[in-house]
């Protein structure tokens, strides 16, 4: 039977072989890169030191914000404000000054776990502590280094009467800072 009698199909039609594409490395979007950086920050001992200072309810919200806002991370500035009791303006202020970790998607600030932990810590701080943080943020690095030196000296003198394991736990954030 000829090819035409079979409906015009060639019995020896070549199956087109699937084109092989070279393996490309996964491209990480800027959004994903910033979210991964948030995870790195969460492992930072300075942030981990804040966790025990949060109230139990705050810890529960950090672990599962969906109970309070209806979804998981990331959270918006408004949601951080709602959860912490801060105003949206305060959230933006602390985020823009680097104290509350966040990332941006367009013009929106988005917050992961570490941002909520630091936001709760700011909420729990006294007015005097907030003034201290503001002063530190505005100081030039040279003055800030001098203040850290004084605080380190004060901390060392206060740790003399404390057990070694407790002193190591308290100074872990400083040790991490000096390794950078």
N, C-alpha and C. Protein backbone atom coordinates (compact mmCIF):
# COMPACT_ATOMS: atom_id res chain seq x y z
N UNK A 1 0.84 -1.15 0.00
CA UNK A 1 0.00 0.00 0.00
C UNK A 1 0.90 1.22 0.00
N UNK A 2 0.52 2.17 -0.81
CA UNK A 2 1.37 3.34 -0.91
C UNK A 2 1.09 4.29 0.24
N UNK A 3 2.00 5.22 0.39
CA UNK A 3 1.84 6.21 1.45
C UNK A 3 0.57 7.03 1.27
N UNK A 4 0.20 7.29 0.03
CA UNK A 4 -0.99 8.08 -0.24
C UNK A 4 -2.23 7.31 0.16
N UNK A 5 -2.26 5.97 -0.08
CA UNK A 5 -3.42 5.15 0.24
C UNK A 5 -3.63 5.08 1.75
N UNK A 6 -2.61 5.26 2.53
CA UNK A 6 -2.74 5.21 3.99
C UNK A 6 -3.16 6.56 4.57
N UNK A 7 -3.59 7.43 3.76
CA UNK A 7 -4.02 8.72 4.27
C UNK A 7 -2.94 9.76 4.12
N UNK A 8 -1.97 9.51 3.29
CA UNK A 8 -0.93 10.49 3.04
C UNK A 8 0.14 10.51 4.11
N UNK A 9 0.07 9.58 5.03
CA UNK A 9 1.10 9.58 6.06
C UNK A 9 2.25 8.70 5.64
N UNK A 10 3.37 9.15 5.86
CA UNK A 10 4.57 8.42 5.53
C UNK A 10 4.82 7.42 6.65
N UNK A 11 4.95 6.15 6.27
CA UNK A 11 5.14 5.12 7.29
C UNK A 11 6.48 5.27 7.99
N UNK A 12 7.35 5.96 7.39
CA UNK A 12 8.66 6.14 7.99
C UNK A 12 8.79 7.56 8.56
N UNK A 13 7.68 8.08 9.09
CA UNK A 13 7.74 9.43 9.64
C UNK A 13 8.71 9.42 10.81
N UNK A 14 9.59 10.34 10.75
CA UNK A 14 10.57 10.43 11.84
C UNK A 14 9.91 11.08 13.04
N UNK A 15 10.07 10.43 14.14
CA UNK A 15 9.60 11.03 15.38
C UNK A 15 10.57 12.14 15.73
N UNK A 16 10.04 13.31 15.96
CA UNK A 16 10.95 14.40 16.30
C UNK A 16 11.48 14.15 17.71
N UNK A 17 12.77 14.07 17.80
CA UNK A 17 13.42 13.81 19.08
C UNK A 17 13.27 15.04 19.96
N UNK A 18 13.00 14.82 21.22
CA UNK A 18 12.89 15.98 22.10
C UNK A 18 14.22 16.70 22.16
N UNK A 19 14.13 17.99 22.10
CA UNK A 19 15.36 18.78 22.15
C UNK A 19 15.90 18.78 23.57
N UNK A 20 17.15 18.56 23.65
CA UNK A 20 17.78 18.57 24.97
C UNK A 20 18.32 19.96 25.23
N UNK A 21 17.91 20.45 26.31
CA UNK A 21 18.41 21.75 26.71
C UNK A 21 19.47 21.55 27.77
N UNK A 22 20.43 22.40 27.74
CA UNK A 22 21.47 22.33 28.75
C UNK A 22 20.89 22.62 30.12
N UNK A 23 21.41 22.00 31.13
CA UNK A 23 20.93 22.23 32.48
C UNK A 23 21.32 23.65 32.89
N UNK A 24 20.34 24.38 33.33
CA UNK A 24 20.61 25.72 33.81
C UNK A 24 20.56 25.70 35.32
N UNK A 25 21.39 26.51 35.91
CA UNK A 25 21.30 26.61 37.36
C UNK A 25 20.05 27.39 37.70
N UNK A 26 19.47 27.05 38.80
CA UNK A 26 18.24 27.73 39.22
C UNK A 26 18.55 29.19 39.46
N UNK A 27 17.74 30.03 38.87
CA UNK A 27 17.92 31.45 39.08
C UNK A 27 17.12 31.86 40.31
N UNK A 28 17.77 32.54 41.18
CA UNK A 28 17.12 32.98 42.41
C UNK A 28 16.65 34.41 42.19
N UNK A 29 15.37 34.60 42.36
CA UNK A 29 14.81 35.93 42.20
C UNK A 29 15.29 36.82 43.34
N UNK A 30 15.31 38.13 43.11
CA UNK A 30 15.69 39.03 44.20
C UNK A 30 14.80 38.85 45.43
N UNK A 31 13.52 38.58 45.19
CA UNK A 31 12.58 38.36 46.29
C UNK A 31 12.99 37.15 47.12
N UNK A 32 13.31 36.04 46.44
CA UNK A 32 13.71 34.83 47.16
C UNK A 32 15.04 35.03 47.86
N UNK A 33 15.96 35.73 47.22
CA UNK A 33 17.27 35.99 47.84
C UNK A 33 17.09 36.75 49.16
N UNK A 34 16.20 37.75 49.18
CA UNK A 34 15.97 38.50 50.41
C UNK A 34 15.31 37.64 51.47
N UNK A 35 14.40 36.75 51.06
CA UNK A 35 13.77 35.86 52.03
C UNK A 35 14.78 34.88 52.61
N UNK A 36 15.71 34.41 51.79
CA UNK A 36 16.75 33.52 52.28
C UNK A 36 17.68 34.25 53.24
N UNK A 37 17.94 35.52 52.97
CA UNK A 37 18.75 36.32 53.89
C UNK A 37 18.06 36.44 55.24
N UNK A 38 16.74 36.52 55.24
CA UNK A 38 15.99 36.58 56.49
C UNK A 38 16.25 35.31 57.31
N UNK A 39 16.30 34.17 56.62
CA UNK A 39 16.56 32.90 57.32
C UNK A 39 17.96 32.92 57.93
N UNK A 40 18.92 33.49 57.23
CA UNK A 40 20.29 33.60 57.74
C UNK A 40 20.29 34.47 59.00
N UNK A 41 19.57 35.56 58.95
CA UNK A 41 19.51 36.48 60.09
C UNK A 41 18.87 35.78 61.29
N UNK A 42 17.89 34.94 61.05
CA UNK A 42 17.21 34.24 62.14
C UNK A 42 18.17 33.33 62.90
N UNK A 43 19.20 32.82 62.24
CA UNK A 43 20.19 31.99 62.92
C UNK A 43 21.20 32.82 63.71
N UNK A 44 21.20 34.11 63.52
CA UNK A 44 22.13 35.00 64.20
C UNK A 44 21.88 34.96 65.70
N UNK A 45 22.92 34.76 66.51
CA UNK A 45 22.72 34.67 67.96
C UNK A 45 22.14 35.95 68.56
N UNK A 46 22.38 37.09 67.92
CA UNK A 46 21.81 38.34 68.45
C UNK A 46 20.29 38.31 68.37
N UNK A 47 19.76 37.71 67.30
CA UNK A 47 18.31 37.60 67.16
C UNK A 47 17.79 36.50 68.07
N UNK A 48 18.51 35.38 68.13
CA UNK A 48 18.09 34.28 69.00
C UNK A 48 18.05 34.70 70.46
N UNK A 49 18.88 35.69 70.81
CA UNK A 49 18.89 36.17 72.19
C UNK A 49 17.60 36.91 72.54
N UNK A 50 16.88 37.40 71.52
CA UNK A 50 15.63 38.12 71.77
C UNK A 50 14.48 37.17 72.09
N UNK A 51 14.53 35.95 71.57
CA UNK A 51 13.41 35.00 71.70
C UNK A 51 12.95 34.79 73.13
N UNK A 52 13.85 34.49 74.08
CA UNK A 52 13.38 34.23 75.46
C UNK A 52 12.76 35.46 76.12
N UNK A 53 13.03 36.63 75.59
CA UNK A 53 12.49 37.86 76.18
C UNK A 53 11.07 38.18 75.69
N UNK A 54 10.60 37.42 74.70
CA UNK A 54 9.23 37.64 74.21
C UNK A 54 8.24 36.99 75.17
N UNK A 55 7.07 37.57 75.24
CA UNK A 55 6.00 36.98 76.04
C UNK A 55 5.51 35.72 75.35
N UNK A 56 4.91 34.83 76.10
CA UNK A 56 4.45 33.54 75.54
C UNK A 56 3.50 33.74 74.36
N UNK A 57 2.55 34.66 74.48
CA UNK A 57 1.61 34.92 73.39
C UNK A 57 2.35 35.43 72.15
N UNK A 58 3.36 36.27 72.36
CA UNK A 58 4.15 36.78 71.23
C UNK A 58 4.90 35.65 70.54
N UNK A 59 5.45 34.73 71.31
CA UNK A 59 6.14 33.58 70.73
C UNK A 59 5.18 32.75 69.89
N UNK A 60 3.97 32.56 70.39
CA UNK A 60 2.97 31.77 69.64
C UNK A 60 2.61 32.45 68.33
N UNK A 61 2.48 33.76 68.34
CA UNK A 61 2.16 34.51 67.12
C UNK A 61 3.32 34.41 66.12
N UNK A 62 4.56 34.48 66.62
CA UNK A 62 5.73 34.35 65.73
C UNK A 62 5.72 32.99 65.06
N UNK A 63 5.42 31.94 65.83
CA UNK A 63 5.42 30.59 65.29
C UNK A 63 4.29 30.35 64.30
N UNK A 64 3.15 31.00 64.52
CA UNK A 64 2.01 30.81 63.62
C UNK A 64 1.18 32.09 63.51
N UNK A 65 1.60 33.01 62.64
CA UNK A 65 0.85 34.27 62.52
C UNK A 65 -0.51 34.08 61.86
N UNK A 66 -0.75 32.93 61.24
CA UNK A 66 -2.02 32.72 60.53
C UNK A 66 -3.22 32.76 61.47
N UNK A 67 -3.02 32.43 62.73
CA UNK A 67 -4.10 32.49 63.71
C UNK A 67 -4.58 33.93 63.87
N UNK A 68 -3.65 34.87 63.82
CA UNK A 68 -4.00 36.28 64.05
C UNK A 68 -4.34 37.04 62.78
N UNK A 69 -3.63 36.74 61.67
CA UNK A 69 -3.84 37.53 60.45
C UNK A 69 -4.40 36.73 59.28
N UNK A 70 -4.54 35.42 59.45
CA UNK A 70 -5.16 34.60 58.41
C UNK A 70 -4.23 34.01 57.37
N UNK A 71 -2.93 34.24 57.49
CA UNK A 71 -1.96 33.63 56.56
C UNK A 71 -0.59 33.58 57.21
N UNK A 72 0.31 32.86 56.57
CA UNK A 72 1.68 32.73 57.06
C UNK A 72 2.50 33.92 56.58
N UNK A 73 3.81 33.83 56.70
CA UNK A 73 4.71 34.89 56.26
C UNK A 73 4.77 34.95 54.75
N UNK A 74 5.12 36.08 54.17
CA UNK A 74 5.53 37.35 54.76
C UNK A 74 4.33 38.17 55.22
N UNK A 75 4.63 39.10 56.13
CA UNK A 75 3.61 39.98 56.67
C UNK A 75 3.87 41.40 56.17
N UNK A 76 2.81 42.18 56.07
CA UNK A 76 2.93 43.58 55.63
C UNK A 76 3.19 44.47 56.84
N UNK A 77 3.50 45.73 56.58
CA UNK A 77 3.71 46.71 57.66
C UNK A 77 2.44 46.82 58.52
N UNK A 78 1.30 46.85 57.88
CA UNK A 78 0.04 46.94 58.61
C UNK A 78 -0.19 45.75 59.51
N UNK A 79 0.16 44.57 59.04
CA UNK A 79 -0.02 43.36 59.85
C UNK A 79 0.95 43.34 61.03
N UNK A 80 2.19 43.79 60.81
CA UNK A 80 3.15 43.89 61.91
C UNK A 80 2.60 44.88 62.95
N UNK A 81 2.08 46.00 62.47
CA UNK A 81 1.51 46.99 63.38
C UNK A 81 0.35 46.40 64.17
N UNK A 82 -0.52 45.69 63.49
CA UNK A 82 -1.69 45.06 64.14
C UNK A 82 -1.24 44.07 65.21
N UNK A 83 -0.25 43.25 64.90
CA UNK A 83 0.20 42.21 65.84
C UNK A 83 0.94 42.78 67.04
N UNK A 84 1.71 43.85 66.83
CA UNK A 84 2.56 44.37 67.90
C UNK A 84 1.95 45.51 68.69
N UNK A 85 0.94 46.16 68.11
CA UNK A 85 0.37 47.33 68.77
C UNK A 85 1.08 48.62 68.41
N UNK A 86 2.09 48.55 67.55
CA UNK A 86 2.75 49.75 67.05
C UNK A 86 1.87 50.38 65.97
N UNK A 87 2.15 51.61 65.65
CA UNK A 87 1.47 52.22 64.50
C UNK A 87 2.24 51.82 63.24
N UNK A 88 1.58 51.91 62.10
CA UNK A 88 2.28 51.61 60.84
C UNK A 88 3.46 52.54 60.64
N UNK A 89 3.31 53.77 61.07
CA UNK A 89 4.41 54.74 60.93
C UNK A 89 5.62 54.30 61.75
N UNK A 90 5.39 53.81 62.97
CA UNK A 90 6.49 53.31 63.80
C UNK A 90 7.17 52.11 63.14
N UNK A 91 6.38 51.20 62.60
CA UNK A 91 6.95 50.03 61.93
C UNK A 91 7.83 50.48 60.77
N UNK A 92 7.34 51.41 59.96
CA UNK A 92 8.13 51.90 58.83
C UNK A 92 9.42 52.58 59.31
N UNK A 93 9.31 53.37 60.39
CA UNK A 93 10.47 54.08 60.93
C UNK A 93 11.57 53.09 61.34
N UNK A 94 11.21 52.11 62.17
CA UNK A 94 12.20 51.16 62.66
C UNK A 94 12.73 50.28 61.52
N UNK A 95 11.88 49.96 60.57
CA UNK A 95 12.33 49.15 59.42
C UNK A 95 13.29 49.96 58.55
N UNK A 96 12.94 51.20 58.26
CA UNK A 96 13.79 52.04 57.41
C UNK A 96 15.12 52.38 58.06
N UNK A 97 15.17 52.33 59.40
CA UNK A 97 16.42 52.59 60.11
C UNK A 97 17.20 51.31 60.40
N UNK A 98 16.71 50.18 59.88
CA UNK A 98 17.47 48.94 59.95
C UNK A 98 17.26 48.10 61.19
N UNK A 99 16.38 48.51 62.08
CA UNK A 99 16.20 47.73 63.30
C UNK A 99 15.25 46.56 63.10
N UNK A 100 14.23 46.73 62.27
CA UNK A 100 13.32 45.63 61.96
C UNK A 100 13.67 45.13 60.56
N UNK A 101 14.15 43.90 60.49
CA UNK A 101 14.55 43.32 59.21
C UNK A 101 13.34 43.15 58.30
N UNK A 102 13.51 43.53 57.04
CA UNK A 102 12.42 43.41 56.06
C UNK A 102 13.03 43.30 54.66
N UNK A 103 12.19 43.03 53.70
CA UNK A 103 12.59 43.05 52.30
C UNK A 103 11.48 43.76 51.54
N UNK A 104 11.75 44.11 50.33
CA UNK A 104 10.77 44.87 49.56
C UNK A 104 10.32 44.12 48.33
N UNK A 105 9.06 44.30 48.03
CA UNK A 105 8.49 43.83 46.77
C UNK A 105 7.80 45.06 46.19
N UNK A 106 8.47 45.66 45.23
CA UNK A 106 8.00 46.95 44.75
C UNK A 106 8.20 47.98 45.84
N UNK A 107 7.14 48.67 46.19
CA UNK A 107 7.22 49.68 47.25
C UNK A 107 6.82 49.14 48.62
N UNK A 108 6.35 47.91 48.66
CA UNK A 108 5.87 47.32 49.92
C UNK A 108 7.01 46.73 50.74
N UNK A 109 6.96 46.95 52.03
CA UNK A 109 7.89 46.31 52.96
C UNK A 109 7.23 45.01 53.41
N UNK A 110 8.00 43.93 53.34
CA UNK A 110 7.47 42.63 53.78
C UNK A 110 8.38 42.08 54.86
N UNK A 111 7.78 41.43 55.83
CA UNK A 111 8.50 40.99 57.02
C UNK A 111 8.37 39.48 57.20
N UNK A 112 9.46 38.87 57.59
CA UNK A 112 9.49 37.45 57.90
C UNK A 112 9.56 37.30 59.42
N UNK A 113 9.85 36.12 59.88
CA UNK A 113 9.89 35.81 61.31
C UNK A 113 10.79 36.76 62.09
N UNK A 114 12.00 36.96 61.59
CA UNK A 114 12.96 37.79 62.33
C UNK A 114 12.44 39.22 62.49
N UNK A 115 11.73 39.73 61.51
CA UNK A 115 11.16 41.07 61.62
C UNK A 115 10.11 41.15 62.71
N UNK A 116 9.29 40.11 62.81
CA UNK A 116 8.26 40.09 63.85
C UNK A 116 8.90 39.96 65.23
N UNK A 117 9.95 39.16 65.35
CA UNK A 117 10.63 39.01 66.64
C UNK A 117 11.20 40.36 67.09
N UNK A 118 11.89 41.06 66.20
CA UNK A 118 12.46 42.35 66.59
C UNK A 118 11.37 43.39 66.84
N UNK A 119 10.28 43.33 66.08
CA UNK A 119 9.17 44.27 66.31
C UNK A 119 8.57 44.05 67.69
N UNK A 120 8.37 42.80 68.08
CA UNK A 120 7.87 42.52 69.43
C UNK A 120 8.86 43.01 70.49
N UNK A 121 10.15 42.84 70.22
CA UNK A 121 11.17 43.28 71.17
C UNK A 121 11.14 44.79 71.34
N UNK A 122 10.91 45.51 70.25
CA UNK A 122 10.80 46.97 70.33
C UNK A 122 9.55 47.34 71.13
N UNK A 123 8.47 46.63 70.88
CA UNK A 123 7.22 46.88 71.62
C UNK A 123 7.41 46.68 73.11
N UNK A 124 8.20 45.68 73.48
CA UNK A 124 8.43 45.36 74.89
C UNK A 124 9.43 46.31 75.55
N UNK A 125 10.17 47.08 74.76
CA UNK A 125 11.20 47.96 75.31
C UNK A 125 10.57 49.17 75.99
N UNK A 126 11.28 49.67 76.98
CA UNK A 126 10.81 50.88 77.67
C UNK A 126 11.13 52.10 76.80
N UNK A 127 10.53 53.22 77.13
CA UNK A 127 10.78 54.46 76.38
C UNK A 127 12.26 54.83 76.45
N UNK A 128 12.85 54.64 77.60
CA UNK A 128 14.28 54.94 77.77
C UNK A 128 15.14 54.08 76.83
N UNK A 129 14.80 52.79 76.72
CA UNK A 129 15.55 51.90 75.82
C UNK A 129 15.37 52.33 74.36
N UNK A 130 14.16 52.74 73.99
CA UNK A 130 13.92 53.18 72.62
C UNK A 130 14.75 54.42 72.29
N UNK A 131 14.84 55.34 73.25
CA UNK A 131 15.67 56.53 73.04
C UNK A 131 17.13 56.13 72.86
N UNK A 132 17.57 55.16 73.63
CA UNK A 132 18.94 54.66 73.52
C UNK A 132 19.18 54.08 72.12
N UNK A 133 18.24 53.27 71.62
CA UNK A 133 18.38 52.68 70.29
C UNK A 133 18.41 53.75 69.21
N UNK A 134 17.53 54.75 69.35
CA UNK A 134 17.52 55.84 68.37
C UNK A 134 18.88 56.55 68.35
N UNK A 135 19.43 56.80 69.53
CA UNK A 135 20.73 57.44 69.61
C UNK A 135 21.82 56.62 68.94
N UNK A 136 21.77 55.31 69.15
CA UNK A 136 22.77 54.44 68.53
C UNK A 136 22.65 54.44 67.01
N UNK A 137 21.41 54.50 66.52
CA UNK A 137 21.20 54.48 65.06
C UNK A 137 21.74 55.75 64.41
N UNK A 138 21.68 56.85 65.13
CA UNK A 138 22.06 58.13 64.55
C UNK A 138 23.54 58.43 64.72
N UNK A 139 24.21 57.76 65.65
CA UNK A 139 25.63 58.02 65.90
C UNK A 139 26.48 57.56 64.73
N UNK A 140 27.56 58.31 64.45
CA UNK A 140 28.53 57.81 63.46
C UNK A 140 29.17 56.52 63.99
N UNK A 141 29.67 55.71 63.10
CA UNK A 141 30.23 54.41 63.48
C UNK A 141 31.35 54.56 64.52
N UNK A 142 32.16 55.60 64.42
CA UNK A 142 33.26 55.80 65.37
C UNK A 142 32.71 55.97 66.78
N UNK A 143 31.68 56.78 66.94
CA UNK A 143 31.08 56.98 68.26
C UNK A 143 30.39 55.70 68.74
N UNK A 144 29.77 55.02 67.82
CA UNK A 144 29.09 53.77 68.16
C UNK A 144 30.10 52.74 68.66
N UNK A 145 31.24 52.65 68.00
CA UNK A 145 32.28 51.71 68.44
C UNK A 145 32.76 52.07 69.85
N UNK A 146 32.90 53.35 70.14
CA UNK A 146 33.32 53.77 71.48
C UNK A 146 32.28 53.37 72.52
N UNK A 147 31.00 53.55 72.20
CA UNK A 147 29.93 53.17 73.13
C UNK A 147 29.91 51.66 73.35
N UNK A 148 30.13 50.90 72.27
CA UNK A 148 30.17 49.44 72.40
C UNK A 148 31.34 49.04 73.30
N UNK A 149 32.46 49.74 73.17
CA UNK A 149 33.61 49.47 74.04
C UNK A 149 33.29 49.68 75.50
N UNK A 150 32.61 50.77 75.80
CA UNK A 150 32.22 51.06 77.18
C UNK A 150 31.23 50.01 77.68
N UNK A 151 30.25 49.67 76.85
CA UNK A 151 29.27 48.65 77.25
C UNK A 151 29.94 47.29 77.47
N UNK A 152 30.92 46.96 76.63
CA UNK A 152 31.64 45.70 76.77
C UNK A 152 32.38 45.66 78.10
N UNK A 153 33.03 46.77 78.44
CA UNK A 153 33.76 46.85 79.71
C UNK A 153 32.80 46.71 80.89
N UNK A 154 31.67 47.38 80.80
CA UNK A 154 30.65 47.28 81.85
C UNK A 154 30.13 45.85 81.97
N UNK A 155 29.86 45.22 80.84
CA UNK A 155 29.37 43.85 80.84
C UNK A 155 30.40 42.91 81.46
N UNK A 156 31.67 43.10 81.11
CA UNK A 156 32.73 42.24 81.67
C UNK A 156 32.77 42.35 83.19
N UNK A 157 32.64 43.56 83.71
CA UNK A 157 32.69 43.72 85.17
C UNK A 157 31.46 43.10 85.84
N UNK A 158 30.33 43.14 85.17
CA UNK A 158 29.10 42.57 85.74
C UNK A 158 29.09 41.05 85.66
N UNK A 159 29.82 40.47 84.72
CA UNK A 159 29.82 39.02 84.53
C UNK A 159 30.78 38.29 85.47
N UNK A 160 31.59 39.04 86.22
CA UNK A 160 32.59 38.41 87.08
C UNK A 160 31.98 37.47 88.12
N UNK A 161 30.80 37.78 88.61
CA UNK A 161 30.19 36.94 89.64
C UNK A 161 29.21 35.91 89.11
N UNK A 162 29.16 35.72 87.81
CA UNK A 162 28.19 34.81 87.20
C UNK A 162 28.88 33.52 86.77
N UNK A 163 28.13 32.42 86.78
CA UNK A 163 28.68 31.14 86.34
C UNK A 163 29.15 31.23 84.89
N UNK A 164 30.16 30.45 84.55
CA UNK A 164 30.77 30.49 83.22
C UNK A 164 29.77 30.20 82.11
N UNK A 165 28.93 29.18 82.29
CA UNK A 165 27.97 28.82 81.23
C UNK A 165 26.97 29.95 80.99
N UNK A 166 26.53 30.59 82.04
CA UNK A 166 25.59 31.71 81.89
C UNK A 166 26.27 32.90 81.23
N UNK A 167 27.52 33.16 81.61
CA UNK A 167 28.27 34.27 81.01
C UNK A 167 28.49 34.02 79.52
N UNK A 168 28.78 32.77 79.15
CA UNK A 168 28.98 32.45 77.73
C UNK A 168 27.71 32.66 76.93
N UNK A 169 26.58 32.29 77.52
CA UNK A 169 25.29 32.48 76.84
C UNK A 169 25.00 33.97 76.64
N UNK A 170 25.30 34.76 77.66
CA UNK A 170 25.03 36.20 77.58
C UNK A 170 25.96 36.92 76.60
N UNK A 171 27.18 36.41 76.45
CA UNK A 171 28.15 37.10 75.59
C UNK A 171 28.22 36.51 74.18
N UNK A 172 27.45 35.47 73.90
CA UNK A 172 27.47 34.86 72.56
C UNK A 172 27.22 35.87 71.44
N UNK A 173 26.26 36.79 71.59
CA UNK A 173 26.06 37.77 70.52
C UNK A 173 27.30 38.64 70.29
N UNK A 174 28.02 38.98 71.35
CA UNK A 174 29.23 39.78 71.18
C UNK A 174 30.32 38.97 70.48
N UNK A 175 30.43 37.69 70.85
CA UNK A 175 31.42 36.83 70.19
C UNK A 175 31.14 36.75 68.69
N UNK A 176 29.88 36.60 68.34
CA UNK A 176 29.50 36.53 66.93
C UNK A 176 29.84 37.83 66.20
N UNK A 177 29.61 38.93 66.86
CA UNK A 177 29.89 40.23 66.26
C UNK A 177 31.38 40.39 65.98
N UNK A 178 32.23 39.93 66.90
CA UNK A 178 33.67 40.09 66.70
C UNK A 178 34.22 39.17 65.61
N UNK A 179 33.51 38.11 65.27
CA UNK A 179 33.97 37.19 64.21
C UNK A 179 33.71 37.74 62.81
N UNK A 180 32.93 38.77 62.68
CA UNK A 180 32.57 39.29 61.35
C UNK A 180 33.67 40.09 60.75
